[in-house]
Amino acid sequence: MVGVQLSVRPGRGCTVLGVSGELDMATSPQLREGLRRLIDGGDRQVVVDLAEVGFMDSSALGALVVTFKALRELDGRLSLAAVQPAVRSVLRVTSVDRAIQVYDTVQAAEADMPPTDDAAGR
């Protein structure tokens, strides 16, 4: 089984969560936990970089939707960036792309973030 790798870095007005690997029932809990840790740590504007994700199932979609709703309740924002064609198709078929903003690049997502009080998007 191939796991998923998560990396966190400060972005421009946000925090970028880089995801690498396949997002399925086995790895989605790691994604959900990683996103929860960011919110618990005070991050309010999060960009999920999906450039290295070639597959995503409904459990991963669920993790993203739960995070999207949690951030929205905190006046925050979740965006997805660098989505690969197979994953973009899943987002489109499920209409998740109508709720969560999807950007071609992380830089485009960062550029579209509203200004915050500090660089970490808190």
PDB file of N, CA and C in Angstrom:
ATOM      1  N   MET A   1       0.840  -1.190   0.000  1.00  0.00           N
ATOM      2  CA  MET A   1       0.000   0.000   0.000  1.00  0.00           C
ATOM      3  C   MET A   1       0.882   1.250   0.000  1.00  0.00           C
ATOM      4  N   VAL A   2       0.581   2.157  -0.875  1.00  0.00           N
ATOM      5  CA  VAL A   2       1.292   3.425  -0.945  1.00  0.00           C
ATOM      6  C   VAL A   2       0.532   4.435  -0.104  1.00  0.00           C
ATOM      7  N   GLY A   3       1.234   5.074   0.802  1.00  0.00           N
ATOM      8  CA  GLY A   3       0.589   6.068   1.657  1.00  0.00           C
ATOM      9  C   GLY A   3       0.497   7.408   0.964  1.00  0.00           C
ATOM     10  N   VAL A   4       0.061   8.364   1.708  1.00  0.00           N
ATOM     11  CA  VAL A   4      -0.019   9.727   1.198  1.00  0.00           C
ATOM     12  C   VAL A   4       0.948  10.576   2.015  1.00  0.00           C
ATOM     13  N   GLN A   5       1.598  11.501   1.346  1.00  0.00           N
ATOM     14  CA  GLN A   5       2.523  12.410   2.014  1.00  0.00           C
ATOM     15  C   GLN A   5       1.890  13.795   2.072  1.00  0.00           C
ATOM     16  N   LEU A   6       1.967  14.422   3.242  1.00  0.00           N
ATOM     17  CA  LEU A   6       1.469  15.779   3.410  1.00  0.00           C
ATOM     18  C   LEU A   6       2.624  16.692   3.765  1.00  0.00           C
ATOM     19  N   SER A   7       2.630  17.889   3.197  1.00  0.00           N
ATOM     20  CA  SER A   7       3.633  18.886   3.558  1.00  0.00           C
ATOM     21  C   SER A   7       2.924  20.224   3.718  1.00  0.00           C
ATOM     22  N   VAL A   8       3.374  21.005   4.681  1.00  0.00           N
ATOM     23  CA  VAL A   8       2.743  22.294   4.965  1.00  0.00           C
ATOM     24  C   VAL A   8       3.784  23.381   4.780  1.00  0.00           C
ATOM     25  N   ARG A   9       3.378  24.440   4.093  1.00  0.00           N
ATOM     26  CA  ARG A   9       4.266  25.597   3.938  1.00  0.00           C
ATOM     27  C   ARG A   9       3.434  26.868   3.954  1.00  0.00           C
ATOM     28  N   PRO A  10       4.028  27.957   4.393  1.00  0.00           N
ATOM     29  CA  PRO A  10       3.293  29.217   4.337  1.00  0.00           C
ATOM     30  C   PRO A  10       3.157  29.672   2.893  1.00  0.00           C
ATOM     31  N   GLY A  11       1.974  30.140   2.537  1.00  0.00           N
ATOM     32  CA  GLY A  11       1.740  30.703   1.217  1.00  0.00           C
ATOM     33  C   GLY A  11       1.521  32.191   1.339  1.00  0.00           C
ATOM     34  N   ARG A  12       1.126  32.822   0.257  1.00  0.00           N
ATOM     35  CA  ARG A  12       0.854  34.255   0.276  1.00  0.00           C
ATOM     36  C   ARG A  12      -0.570  34.461   0.772  1.00  0.00           C
ATOM     37  N   GLY A  13      -0.706  34.839   2.040  1.00  0.00           N
ATOM     38  CA  GLY A  13      -2.024  35.057   2.628  1.00  0.00           C
ATOM     39  C   GLY A  13      -2.768  33.783   2.976  1.00  0.00           C
ATOM     40  N   CYS A  14      -2.040  32.669   3.009  1.00  0.00           N
ATOM     41  CA  CYS A  14      -2.691  31.391   3.265  1.00  0.00           C
ATOM     42  C   CYS A  14      -1.646  30.368   3.707  1.00  0.00           C
ATOM     43  N   THR A  15      -2.123  29.171   3.996  1.00  0.00           N
ATOM     44  CA  THR A  15      -1.243  28.037   4.254  1.00  0.00           C
ATOM     45  C   THR A  15      -1.481  27.033   3.131  1.00  0.00           C
ATOM     46  N   VAL A  16      -0.384  26.501   2.584  1.00  0.00           N
ATOM     47  CA  VAL A  16      -0.486  25.534   1.494  1.00  0.00           C
ATOM     48  C   VAL A  16      -0.215  24.138   2.037  1.00  0.00           C
ATOM     49  N   LEU A  17      -1.175  23.250   1.825  1.00  0.00           N
ATOM     50  CA  LEU A  17      -1.013  21.843   2.193  1.00  0.00           C
ATOM     51  C   LEU A  17      -0.742  21.067   0.913  1.00  0.00           C
ATOM     52  N   GLY A  18       0.481  20.593   0.775  1.00  0.00           N
ATOM     53  CA  GLY A  18       0.843  19.785  -0.382  1.00  0.00           C
ATOM     54  C   GLY A  18       0.497  18.336  -0.113  1.00  0.00           C
ATOM     55  N   VAL A  19      -0.153  17.696  -1.077  1.00  0.00           N
ATOM     56  CA  VAL A  19      -0.555  16.298  -0.937  1.00  0.00           C
ATOM     57  C   VAL A  19       0.089  15.514  -2.067  1.00  0.00           C
ATOM     58  N   SER A  20       0.682  14.373  -1.715  1.00  0.00           N
ATOM     59  CA  SER A  20       1.319  13.530  -2.710  1.00  0.00           C
ATOM     60  C   SER A  20       0.912  12.084  -2.477  1.00  0.00           C
ATOM     61  N   GLY A  21       0.373  11.440  -3.509  1.00  0.00           N
ATOM     62  CA  GLY A  21      -0.056  10.053  -3.389  1.00  0.00           C
ATOM     63  C   GLY A  21      -1.509   9.902  -3.798  1.00  0.00           C
ATOM     64  N   GLU A  22      -2.049   8.725  -3.601  1.00  0.00           N
ATOM     65  CA  GLU A  22      -3.446   8.468  -3.944  1.00  0.00           C
ATOM     66  C   GLU A  22      -4.319   8.673  -2.714  1.00  0.00           C
ATOM     67  N   LEU A  23      -5.439   9.343  -2.917  1.00  0.00           N
ATOM     68  CA  LEU A  23      -6.369   9.609  -1.821  1.00  0.00           C
ATOM     69  C   LEU A  23      -7.531   8.637  -1.920  1.00  0.00           C
ATOM     70  N   ASP A  24      -7.539   7.671  -1.015  1.00  0.00           N
ATOM     71  CA  ASP A  24      -8.595   6.660  -0.994  1.00  0.00           C
ATOM     72  C   ASP A  24      -8.988   6.383   0.452  1.00  0.00           C
ATOM     73  N   MET A  25      -9.780   5.338   0.650  1.00  0.00           N
ATOM     74  CA  MET A  25     -10.261   5.041   2.008  1.00  0.00           C
ATOM     75  C   MET A  25      -9.122   4.828   2.997  1.00  0.00           C
ATOM     76  N   ALA A  26      -7.999   4.301   2.522  1.00  0.00           N
ATOM     77  CA  ALA A  26      -6.865   4.029   3.411  1.00  0.00           C
ATOM     78  C   ALA A  26      -6.104   5.293   3.787  1.00  0.00           C
ATOM     79  N   THR A  27      -6.047   6.268   2.869  1.00  0.00           N
ATOM     80  CA  THR A  27      -5.225   7.453   3.111  1.00  0.00           C
ATOM     81  C   THR A  27      -6.024   8.711   3.452  1.00  0.00           C
ATOM     82  N   SER A  28      -7.317   8.713   3.180  1.00  0.00           N
ATOM     83  CA  SER A  28      -8.127   9.905   3.460  1.00  0.00           C
ATOM     84  C   SER A  28      -8.107  10.340   4.925  1.00  0.00           C
ATOM     85  N   PRO A  29      -8.062   9.385   5.890  1.00  0.00           N
ATOM     86  CA  PRO A  29      -7.958   9.844   7.282  1.00  0.00           C
ATOM     87  C   PRO A  29      -6.725  10.709   7.533  1.00  0.00           C
ATOM     88  N   GLN A  30      -5.616  10.431   6.846  1.00  0.00           N
ATOM     89  CA  GLN A  30      -4.418  11.263   6.991  1.00  0.00           C
ATOM     90  C   GLN A  30      -4.695  12.668   6.472  1.00  0.00           C
ATOM     91  N   LEU A  31      -5.381  12.771   5.332  1.00  0.00           N
ATOM     92  CA  LEU A  31      -5.726  14.077   4.786  1.00  0.00           C
ATOM     93  C   LEU A  31      -6.640  14.826   5.749  1.00  0.00           C
ATOM     94  N   ARG A  32      -7.669  14.154   6.229  1.00  0.00           N
ATOM     95  CA  ARG A  32      -8.619  14.781   7.157  1.00  0.00           C
ATOM     96  C   ARG A  32      -7.898  15.269   8.418  1.00  0.00           C
ATOM     97  N   GLU A  33      -7.022  14.447   8.959  1.00  0.00           N
ATOM     98  CA  GLU A  33      -6.273  14.818  10.168  1.00  0.00           C
ATOM     99  C   GLU A  33      -5.338  15.995   9.899  1.00  0.00           C
ATOM    100  N   GLY A  34      -4.663  15.970   8.757  1.00  0.00           N
ATOM    101  CA  GLY A  34      -3.755  17.070   8.415  1.00  0.00           C
ATOM    102  C   GLY A  34      -4.497  18.390   8.291  1.00  0.00           C
ATOM    103  N   LEU A  35      -5.655  18.362   7.657  1.00  0.00           N
ATOM    104  CA  LEU A  35      -6.463  19.568   7.523  1.00  0.00           C
ATOM    105  C   LEU A  35      -7.005  20.022   8.878  1.00  0.00           C
ATOM    106  N   ARG A  36      -7.430  19.077   9.705  1.00  0.00           N
ATOM    107  CA  ARG A  36      -7.944  19.419  11.033  1.00  0.00           C
ATOM    108  C   ARG A  36      -6.856  20.085  11.880  1.00  0.00           C
ATOM    109  N   ARG A  37      -5.633  19.572  11.786  1.00  0.00           N
ATOM    110  CA  ARG A  37      -4.519  20.163  12.542  1.00  0.00           C
ATOM    111  C   ARG A  37      -4.282  21.616  12.123  1.00  0.00           C
ATOM    112  N   LEU A  38      -4.411  21.898  10.834  1.00  0.00           N
ATOM    113  CA  LEU A  38      -4.231  23.280  10.379  1.00  0.00           C
ATOM    114  C   LEU A  38      -5.289  24.191  10.985  1.00  0.00           C
ATOM    115  N   ILE A  39      -6.555  23.746  10.927  1.00  0.00           N
ATOM    116  CA  ILE A  39      -7.640  24.553  11.495  1.00  0.00           C
ATOM    117  C   ILE A  39      -7.446  24.725  12.998  1.00  0.00           C
ATOM    118  N   ASP A  40      -7.133  23.626  13.684  1.00  0.00           N
ATOM    119  CA  ASP A  40      -6.917  23.696  15.137  1.00  0.00           C
ATOM    120  C   ASP A  40      -5.747  24.612  15.478  1.00  0.00           C
ATOM    121  N   GLY A  41      -4.785  24.712  14.566  1.00  0.00           N
ATOM    122  CA  GLY A  41      -3.618  25.571  14.779  1.00  0.00           C
ATOM    123  C   GLY A  41      -3.874  27.027  14.437  1.00  0.00           C
ATOM    124  N   GLY A  42      -5.081  27.325  13.957  1.00  0.00           N
ATOM    125  CA  GLY A  42      -5.437  28.716  13.693  1.00  0.00           C
ATOM    126  C   GLY A  42      -5.446  29.116  12.231  1.00  0.00           C
ATOM    127  N   ASP A  43      -5.107  28.204  11.332  1.00  0.00           N
ATOM    128  CA  ASP A  43      -5.132  28.550   9.913  1.00  0.00           C
ATOM    129  C   ASP A  43      -6.579  28.700   9.447  1.00  0.00           C
ATOM    130  N   ARG A  44      -6.836  29.745   8.673  1.00  0.00           N
ATOM    131  CA  ARG A  44      -8.195  30.008   8.199  1.00  0.00           C
ATOM    132  C   ARG A  44      -8.291  30.038   6.682  1.00  0.00           C
ATOM    133  N   GLN A  45      -7.173  30.206   6.016  1.00  0.00           N
ATOM    134  CA  GLN A  45      -7.160  30.211   4.547  1.00  0.00           C
ATOM    135  C   GLN A  45      -6.170  29.142   4.111  1.00  0.00           C
ATOM    136  N   VAL A  46      -6.702  28.081   3.522  1.00  0.00           N
ATOM    137  CA  VAL A  46      -5.890  26.918   3.185  1.00  0.00           C
ATOM    138  C   VAL A  46      -6.036  26.594   1.698  1.00  0.00           C
ATOM    139  N   VAL A  47      -4.899  26.383   1.045  1.00  0.00           N
ATOM    140  CA  VAL A  47      -4.866  25.910  -0.336  1.00  0.00           C
ATOM    141  C   VAL A  47      -4.332  24.485  -0.308  1.00  0.00           C
ATOM    142  N   VAL A  48      -5.080  23.546  -0.873  1.00  0.00           N
ATOM    143  CA  VAL A  48      -4.625  22.163  -0.972  1.00  0.00           C
ATOM    144  C   VAL A  48      -4.029  21.978  -2.365  1.00  0.00           C
ATOM    145  N   ASP A  49      -2.717  21.725  -2.394  1.00  0.00           N
ATOM    146  CA  ASP A  49      -1.989  21.523  -3.644  1.00  0.00           C
ATOM    147  C   ASP A  49      -2.099  20.045  -4.030  1.00  0.00           C
ATOM    148  N   LEU A  50      -2.853  19.774  -5.092  1.00  0.00           N
ATOM    149  CA  LEU A  50      -3.116  18.399  -5.512  1.00  0.00           C
ATOM    150  C   LEU A  50      -2.308  17.991  -6.752  1.00  0.00           C
ATOM    151  N   ALA A  51      -1.219  18.702  -7.026  1.00  0.00           N
ATOM    152  CA  ALA A  51      -0.414  18.420  -8.225  1.00  0.00           C
ATOM    153  C   ALA A  51       0.102  16.981  -8.248  1.00  0.00           C
ATOM    154  N   GLU A  52       0.351  16.408  -7.076  1.00  0.00           N
ATOM    155  CA  GLU A  52       0.931  15.060  -6.991  1.00  0.00           C
ATOM    156  C   GLU A  52      -0.108  13.991  -6.642  1.00  0.00           C
ATOM    157  N   VAL A  53      -1.384  14.310  -6.859  1.00  0.00           N
ATOM    158  CA  VAL A  53      -2.466  13.356  -6.569  1.00  0.00           C
ATOM    159  C   VAL A  53      -3.099  12.923  -7.885  1.00  0.00           C
ATOM    160  N   GLY A  54      -2.990  11.636  -8.206  1.00  0.00           N
ATOM    161  CA  GLY A  54      -3.537  11.121  -9.448  1.00  0.00           C
ATOM    162  C   GLY A  54      -4.878  10.433  -9.289  1.00  0.00           C
ATOM    163  N   PHE A  55      -5.274  10.174  -8.031  1.00  0.00           N
ATOM    164  CA  PHE A  55      -6.531   9.473  -7.779  1.00  0.00           C
ATOM    165  C   PHE A  55      -7.150   9.990  -6.493  1.00  0.00           C
ATOM    166  N   MET A  56      -8.474  10.180  -6.516  1.00  0.00           N
ATOM    167  CA  MET A  56      -9.195  10.603  -5.318  1.00  0.00           C
ATOM    168  C   MET A  56     -10.546   9.905  -5.322  1.00  0.00           C
ATOM    169  N   ASP A  57     -10.903   9.304  -4.183  1.00  0.00           N
ATOM    170  CA  ASP A  57     -12.223   8.666  -4.104  1.00  0.00           C
ATOM    171  C   ASP A  57     -13.154   9.489  -3.219  1.00  0.00           C
ATOM    172  N   SER A  58     -14.345   8.950  -2.987  1.00  0.00           N
ATOM    173  CA  SER A  58     -15.367   9.700  -2.255  1.00  0.00           C
ATOM    174  C   SER A  58     -14.977   9.986  -0.806  1.00  0.00           C
ATOM    175  N   SER A  59     -14.151   9.136  -0.207  1.00  0.00           N
ATOM    176  CA  SER A  59     -13.748   9.406   1.182  1.00  0.00           C
ATOM    177  C   SER A  59     -12.875  10.664   1.255  1.00  0.00           C
ATOM    178  N   ALA A  60     -12.028  10.864   0.259  1.00  0.00           N
ATOM    179  CA  ALA A  60     -11.208  12.075   0.220  1.00  0.00           C
ATOM    180  C   ALA A  60     -12.064  13.293  -0.073  1.00  0.00           C
ATOM    181  N   LEU A  61     -13.035  13.133  -0.977  1.00  0.00           N
ATOM    182  CA  LEU A  61     -13.972  14.225  -1.240  1.00  0.00           C
ATOM    183  C   LEU A  61     -14.674  14.637   0.041  1.00  0.00           C
ATOM    184  N   GLY A  62     -15.080  13.642   0.822  1.00  0.00           N
ATOM    185  CA  GLY A  62     -15.736  13.920   2.096  1.00  0.00           C
ATOM    186  C   GLY A  62     -14.851  14.725   3.023  1.00  0.00           C
ATOM    187  N   ALA A  63     -13.580  14.369   3.095  1.00  0.00           N
ATOM    188  CA  ALA A  63     -12.632  15.096   3.953  1.00  0.00           C
ATOM    189  C   ALA A  63     -12.515  16.547   3.502  1.00  0.00           C
ATOM    190  N   LEU A  64     -12.480  16.770   2.192  1.00  0.00           N
ATOM    191  CA  LEU A  64     -12.378  18.140   1.681  1.00  0.00           C
ATOM    192  C   LEU A  64     -13.649  18.935   1.966  1.00  0.00           C
ATOM    193  N   VAL A  65     -14.805  18.313   1.777  1.00  0.00           N
ATOM    194  CA  VAL A  65     -16.074  19.009   2.011  1.00  0.00           C
ATOM    195  C   VAL A  65     -16.242  19.355   3.492  1.00  0.00           C
ATOM    196  N   VAL A  66     -15.891  18.425   4.373  1.00  0.00           N
ATOM    197  CA  VAL A  66     -15.970  18.689   5.820  1.00  0.00           C
ATOM    198  C   VAL A  66     -15.074  19.871   6.189  1.00  0.00           C
ATOM    199  N   THR A  67     -13.867  19.892   5.634  1.00  0.00           N
ATOM    200  CA  THR A  67     -12.936  20.983   5.918  1.00  0.00           C
ATOM    201  C   THR A  67     -13.452  22.296   5.343  1.00  0.00           C
ATOM    202  N   PHE A  68     -13.970  22.251   4.113  1.00  0.00           N
ATOM    203  CA  PHE A  68     -14.537  23.438   3.485  1.00  0.00           C
ATOM    204  C   PHE A  68     -15.614  24.054   4.380  1.00  0.00           C
ATOM    205  N   LYS A  69     -16.529  23.212   4.878  1.00  0.00           N
ATOM    206  CA  LYS A  69     -17.615  23.698   5.739  1.00  0.00           C
ATOM    207  C   LYS A  69     -17.083  24.244   7.055  1.00  0.00           C
ATOM    208  N   ALA A  70     -16.107  23.551   7.643  1.00  0.00           N
ATOM    209  CA  ALA A  70     -15.534  24.002   8.918  1.00  0.00           C
ATOM    210  C   ALA A  70     -14.876  25.372   8.757  1.00  0.00           C
ATOM    211  N   LEU A  71     -14.127  25.546   7.673  1.00  0.00           N
ATOM    212  CA  LEU A  71     -13.461  26.830   7.450  1.00  0.00           C
ATOM    213  C   LEU A  71     -14.479  27.928   7.142  1.00  0.00           C
ATOM    214  N   ARG A  72     -15.511  27.591   6.382  1.00  0.00           N
ATOM    215  CA  ARG A  72     -16.534  28.589   6.049  1.00  0.00           C
ATOM    216  C   ARG A  72     -17.204  29.096   7.321  1.00  0.00           C
ATOM    217  N   GLU A  73     -17.456  28.189   8.272  1.00  0.00           N
ATOM    218  CA  GLU A  73     -18.075  28.600   9.542  1.00  0.00           C
ATOM    219  C   GLU A  73     -17.169  29.526  10.344  1.00  0.00           C
ATOM    220  N   LEU A  74     -15.864  29.450  10.091  1.00  0.00           N
ATOM    221  CA  LEU A  74     -14.896  30.297  10.786  1.00  0.00           C
ATOM    222  C   LEU A  74     -14.498  31.513   9.940  1.00  0.00           C
ATOM    223  N   ASP A  75     -15.304  31.805   8.924  1.00  0.00           N
ATOM    224  CA  ASP A  75     -14.996  32.879   7.969  1.00  0.00           C
ATOM    225  C   ASP A  75     -13.674  32.650   7.263  1.00  0.00           C
ATOM    226  N   GLY A  76     -13.344  31.388   7.063  1.00  0.00           N
ATOM    227  CA  GLY A  76     -12.122  31.038   6.359  1.00  0.00           C
ATOM    228  C   GLY A  76     -12.430  30.556   4.954  1.00  0.00           C
ATOM    229  N   ARG A  77     -11.413  29.950   4.338  1.00  0.00           N
ATOM    230  CA  ARG A  77     -11.560  29.543   2.951  1.00  0.00           C
ATOM    231  C   ARG A  77     -10.669  28.345   2.643  1.00  0.00           C
ATOM    232  N   LEU A  78     -11.224  27.394   1.918  1.00  0.00           N
ATOM    233  CA  LEU A  78     -10.467  26.251   1.403  1.00  0.00           C
ATOM    234  C   LEU A  78     -10.488  26.324  -0.113  1.00  0.00           C
ATOM    235  N   SER A  79      -9.315  26.218  -0.725  1.00  0.00           N
ATOM    236  CA  SER A  79      -9.209  26.199  -2.176  1.00  0.00           C
ATOM    237  C   SER A  79      -8.374  24.994  -2.586  1.00  0.00           C
ATOM    238  N   LEU A  80      -8.611  24.507  -3.802  1.00  0.00           N
ATOM    239  CA  LEU A  80      -7.844  23.405  -4.356  1.00  0.00           C
ATOM    240  C   LEU A  80      -7.042  23.933  -5.534  1.00  0.00           C
ATOM    241  N   ALA A  81      -5.819  23.420  -5.693  1.00  0.00           N
ATOM    242  CA  ALA A  81      -4.957  23.915  -6.768  1.00  0.00           C
ATOM    243  C   ALA A  81      -4.214  22.779  -7.453  1.00  0.00           C
ATOM    244  N   ALA A  82      -3.841  23.038  -8.708  1.00  0.00           N
ATOM    245  CA  ALA A  82      -3.037  22.124  -9.517  1.00  0.00           C
ATOM    246  C   ALA A  82      -3.665  20.729  -9.588  1.00  0.00           C
ATOM    247  N   VAL A  83      -4.977  20.710  -9.795  1.00  0.00           N
ATOM    248  CA  VAL A  83      -5.729  19.461  -9.800  1.00  0.00           C
ATOM    249  C   VAL A  83      -5.487  18.717 -11.118  1.00  0.00           C
ATOM    250  N   GLN A  84      -5.130  17.447 -11.005  1.00  0.00           N
ATOM    251  CA  GLN A  84      -4.877  16.615 -12.183  1.00  0.00           C
ATOM    252  C   GLN A  84      -6.198  16.247 -12.864  1.00  0.00           C
ATOM    253  N   PRO A  85      -6.152  15.920 -14.170  1.00  0.00           N
ATOM    254  CA  PRO A  85      -7.395  15.658 -14.924  1.00  0.00           C
ATOM    255  C   PRO A  85      -8.315  14.605 -14.296  1.00  0.00           C
ATOM    256  N   ALA A  86      -7.779  13.499 -13.814  1.00  0.00           N
ATOM    257  CA  ALA A  86      -8.635  12.452 -13.234  1.00  0.00           C
ATOM    258  C   ALA A  86      -9.344  12.954 -11.980  1.00  0.00           C
ATOM    259  N   VAL A  87      -8.629  13.724 -11.164  1.00  0.00           N
ATOM    260  CA  VAL A  87      -9.211  14.262  -9.935  1.00  0.00           C
ATOM    261  C   VAL A  87     -10.204  15.378 -10.281  1.00  0.00           C
ATOM    262  N   ARG A  88      -9.871  16.204 -11.256  1.00  0.00           N
ATOM    263  CA  ARG A  88     -10.770  17.282 -11.671  1.00  0.00           C
ATOM    264  C   ARG A  88     -12.100  16.693 -12.159  1.00  0.00           C
ATOM    265  N   SER A  89     -12.028  15.570 -12.840  1.00  0.00           N
ATOM    266  CA  SER A  89     -13.231  14.896 -13.318  1.00  0.00           C
ATOM    267  C   SER A  89     -14.120  14.470 -12.156  1.00  0.00           C
ATOM    268  N   VAL A  90     -13.514  13.919 -11.096  1.00  0.00           N
ATOM    269  CA  VAL A  90     -14.269  13.514  -9.902  1.00  0.00           C
ATOM    270  C   VAL A  90     -14.916  14.745  -9.258  1.00  0.00           C
ATOM    271  N   LEU A  91     -14.185  15.837  -9.174  1.00  0.00           N
ATOM    272  CA  LEU A  91     -14.725  17.062  -8.586  1.00  0.00           C
ATOM    273  C   LEU A  91     -15.910  17.580  -9.408  1.00  0.00           C
ATOM    274  N   ARG A  92     -15.792  17.501 -10.723  1.00  0.00           N
ATOM    275  CA  ARG A  92     -16.851  17.992 -11.605  1.00  0.00           C
ATOM    276  C   ARG A  92     -18.090  17.100 -11.528  1.00  0.00           C
ATOM    277  N   VAL A  93     -17.897  15.789 -11.602  1.00  0.00           N
ATOM    278  CA  VAL A  93     -19.029  14.844 -11.587  1.00  0.00           C
ATOM    279  C   VAL A  93     -19.823  14.960 -10.289  1.00  0.00           C
ATOM    280  N   THR A  94     -19.138  15.198  -9.188  1.00  0.00           N
ATOM    281  CA  THR A  94     -19.794  15.288  -7.878  1.00  0.00           C
ATOM    282  C   THR A  94     -20.241  16.710  -7.546  1.00  0.00           C
ATOM    283  N   SER A  95     -19.941  17.654  -8.426  1.00  0.00           N
ATOM    284  CA  SER A  95     -20.258  19.089  -8.242  1.00  0.00           C
ATOM    285  C   SER A  95     -19.516  19.716  -7.066  1.00  0.00           C
ATOM    286  N   VAL A  96     -18.509  19.056  -6.550  1.00  0.00           N
ATOM    287  CA  VAL A  96     -17.709  19.649  -5.464  1.00  0.00           C
ATOM    288  C   VAL A  96     -17.012  20.910  -5.974  1.00  0.00           C
ATOM    289  N   ASP A  97     -16.668  20.940  -7.275  1.00  0.00           N
ATOM    290  CA  ASP A  97     -16.002  22.112  -7.834  1.00  0.00           C
ATOM    291  C   ASP A  97     -16.917  23.345  -7.879  1.00  0.00           C
ATOM    292  N   ARG A  98     -18.213  23.148  -7.640  1.00  0.00           N
ATOM    293  CA  ARG A  98     -19.125  24.298  -7.569  1.00  0.00           C
ATOM    294  C   ARG A  98     -19.070  24.949  -6.187  1.00  0.00           C
ATOM    295  N   ALA A  99     -18.697  24.188  -5.177  1.00  0.00           N
ATOM    296  CA  ALA A  99     -18.610  24.720  -3.813  1.00  0.00           C
ATOM    297  C   ALA A  99     -17.193  25.190  -3.487  1.00  0.00           C
ATOM    298  N   ILE A 100     -16.218  24.364  -3.822  1.00  0.00           N
ATOM    299  CA  ILE A 100     -14.818  24.659  -3.489  1.00  0.00           C
ATOM    300  C   ILE A 100     -14.121  25.197  -4.732  1.00  0.00           C
ATOM    301  N   GLN A 101     -13.491  26.377  -4.592  1.00  0.00           N
ATOM    302  CA  GLN A 101     -12.767  26.980  -5.711  1.00  0.00           C
ATOM    303  C   GLN A 101     -11.624  26.072  -6.131  1.00  0.00           C
ATOM    304  N   VAL A 102     -11.472  25.864  -7.437  1.00  0.00           N
ATOM    305  CA  VAL A 102     -10.388  25.068  -7.994  1.00  0.00           C
ATOM    306  C   VAL A 102      -9.560  25.975  -8.904  1.00  0.00           C
ATOM    307  N   TYR A 103      -8.242  25.976  -8.683  1.00  0.00           N
ATOM    308  CA  TYR A 103      -7.325  26.817  -9.453  1.00  0.00           C
ATOM    309  C   TYR A 103      -6.333  25.953 -10.220  1.00  0.00           C
ATOM    310  N   ASP A 104      -5.860  26.480 -11.341  1.00  0.00           N
ATOM    311  CA  ASP A 104      -4.890  25.738 -12.152  1.00  0.00           C
ATOM    312  C   ASP A 104      -3.541  25.609 -11.458  1.00  0.00           C
ATOM    313  N   THR A 105      -3.174  26.625 -10.681  1.00  0.00           N
ATOM    314  CA  THR A 105      -1.883  26.614  -9.987  1.00  0.00           C
ATOM    315  C   THR A 105      -2.050  27.092  -8.552  1.00  0.00           C
ATOM    316  N   VAL A 106      -1.074  26.741  -7.716  1.00  0.00           N
ATOM    317  CA  VAL A 106      -1.059  27.233  -6.334  1.00  0.00           C
ATOM    318  C   VAL A 106      -0.919  28.750  -6.338  1.00  0.00           C
ATOM    319  N   GLN A 107      -0.105  29.273  -7.245  1.00  0.00           N
ATOM    320  CA  GLN A 107       0.103  30.722  -7.319  1.00  0.00           C
ATOM    321  C   GLN A 107      -1.208  31.449  -7.615  1.00  0.00           C
ATOM    322  N   ALA A 108      -2.034  30.883  -8.499  1.00  0.00           N
ATOM    323  CA  ALA A 108      -3.331  31.505  -8.807  1.00  0.00           C
ATOM    324  C   ALA A 108      -4.236  31.488  -7.583  1.00  0.00           C
ATOM    325  N   ALA A 109      -4.208  30.391  -6.836  1.00  0.00           N
ATOM    326  CA  ALA A 109      -5.024  30.297  -5.620  1.00  0.00           C
ATOM    327  C   ALA A 109      -4.549  31.309  -4.585  1.00  0.00           C
ATOM    328  N   GLU A 110      -3.239  31.432  -4.429  1.00  0.00           N
ATOM    329  CA  GLU A 110      -2.689  32.399  -3.477  1.00  0.00           C
ATOM    330  C   GLU A 110      -3.068  33.827  -3.866  1.00  0.00           C
ATOM    331  N   ALA A 111      -2.997  34.127  -5.155  1.00  0.00           N
ATOM    332  CA  ALA A 111      -3.281  35.477  -5.637  1.00  0.00           C
ATOM    333  C   ALA A 111      -4.744  35.861  -5.406  1.00  0.00           C
ATOM    334  N   ASP A 112      -5.622  34.868  -5.308  1.00  0.00           N
ATOM    335  CA  ASP A 112      -7.049  35.128  -5.144  1.00  0.00           C
ATOM    336  C   ASP A 112      -7.497  35.135  -3.681  1.00  0.00           C
ATOM    337  N   MET A 113      -6.558  34.947  -2.759  1.00  0.00           N
ATOM    338  CA  MET A 113      -6.905  34.951  -1.331  1.00  0.00           C
ATOM    339  C   MET A 113      -7.165  36.370  -0.857  1.00  0.00           C
ATOM    340  N   PRO A 114      -8.226  36.557  -0.083  1.00  0.00           N
ATOM    341  CA  PRO A 114      -8.443  37.892   0.490  1.00  0.00           C
ATOM    342  C   PRO A 114      -7.336  38.217   1.489  1.00  0.00           C
ATOM    343  N   PRO A 115      -7.035  39.487   1.658  1.00  0.00           N
ATOM    344  CA  PRO A 115      -5.981  39.859   2.606  1.00  0.00           C
ATOM    345  C   PRO A 115      -6.339  39.443   4.039  1.00  0.00           C
ATOM    346  N   THR A 116      -5.318  39.101   4.802  1.00  0.00           N
ATOM    347  CA  THR A 116      -5.508  38.716   6.213  1.00  0.00           C
ATOM    348  C   THR A 116      -4.590  39.553   7.082  1.00  0.00           C
ATOM    349  N   ASP A 117      -4.747  39.353   8.386  1.00  0.00           N
ATOM    350  CA  ASP A 117      -3.925  40.118   9.335  1.00  0.00           C
ATOM    351  C   ASP A 117      -2.485  39.662   9.341  1.00  0.00           C
ATOM    352  N   ASP A 118      -2.235  38.384   8.994  1.00  0.00           N
ATOM    353  CA  ASP A 118      -0.851  37.928   8.961  1.00  0.00           C
ATOM    354  C   ASP A 118      -0.646  36.990   7.775  1.00  0.00           C
ATOM    355  N   ALA A 119       0.601  36.678   7.509  1.00  0.00           N
ATOM    356  CA  ALA A 119       0.958  35.912   6.305  1.00  0.00           C
ATOM    357  C   ALA A 119       0.482  34.466   6.349  1.00  0.00           C
ATOM    358  N   ALA A 120       0.167  33.946   7.517  1.00  0.00           N
ATOM    359  CA  ALA A 120      -0.236  32.538   7.612  1.00  0.00           C
ATOM    360  C   ALA A 120      -1.732  32.326   7.369  1.00  0.00           C
ATOM    361  N   GLY A 121      -2.420  33.377   7.034  1.00  0.00           N
ATOM    362  CA  GLY A 121      -3.840  33.239   6.742  1.00  0.00           C
ATOM    363  C   GLY A 121      -4.682  32.991   7.972  1.00  0.00           C
ATOM    364  N   ARG A 122      -4.291  33.624   9.081  1.00  0.00           N
ATOM    365  CA  ARG A 122      -5.009  33.399  10.338  1.00  0.00           C
ATOM    366  C   ARG A 122      -5.870  34.581  10.688  1.00  0.00           C
TER     367      ARG A 122
END
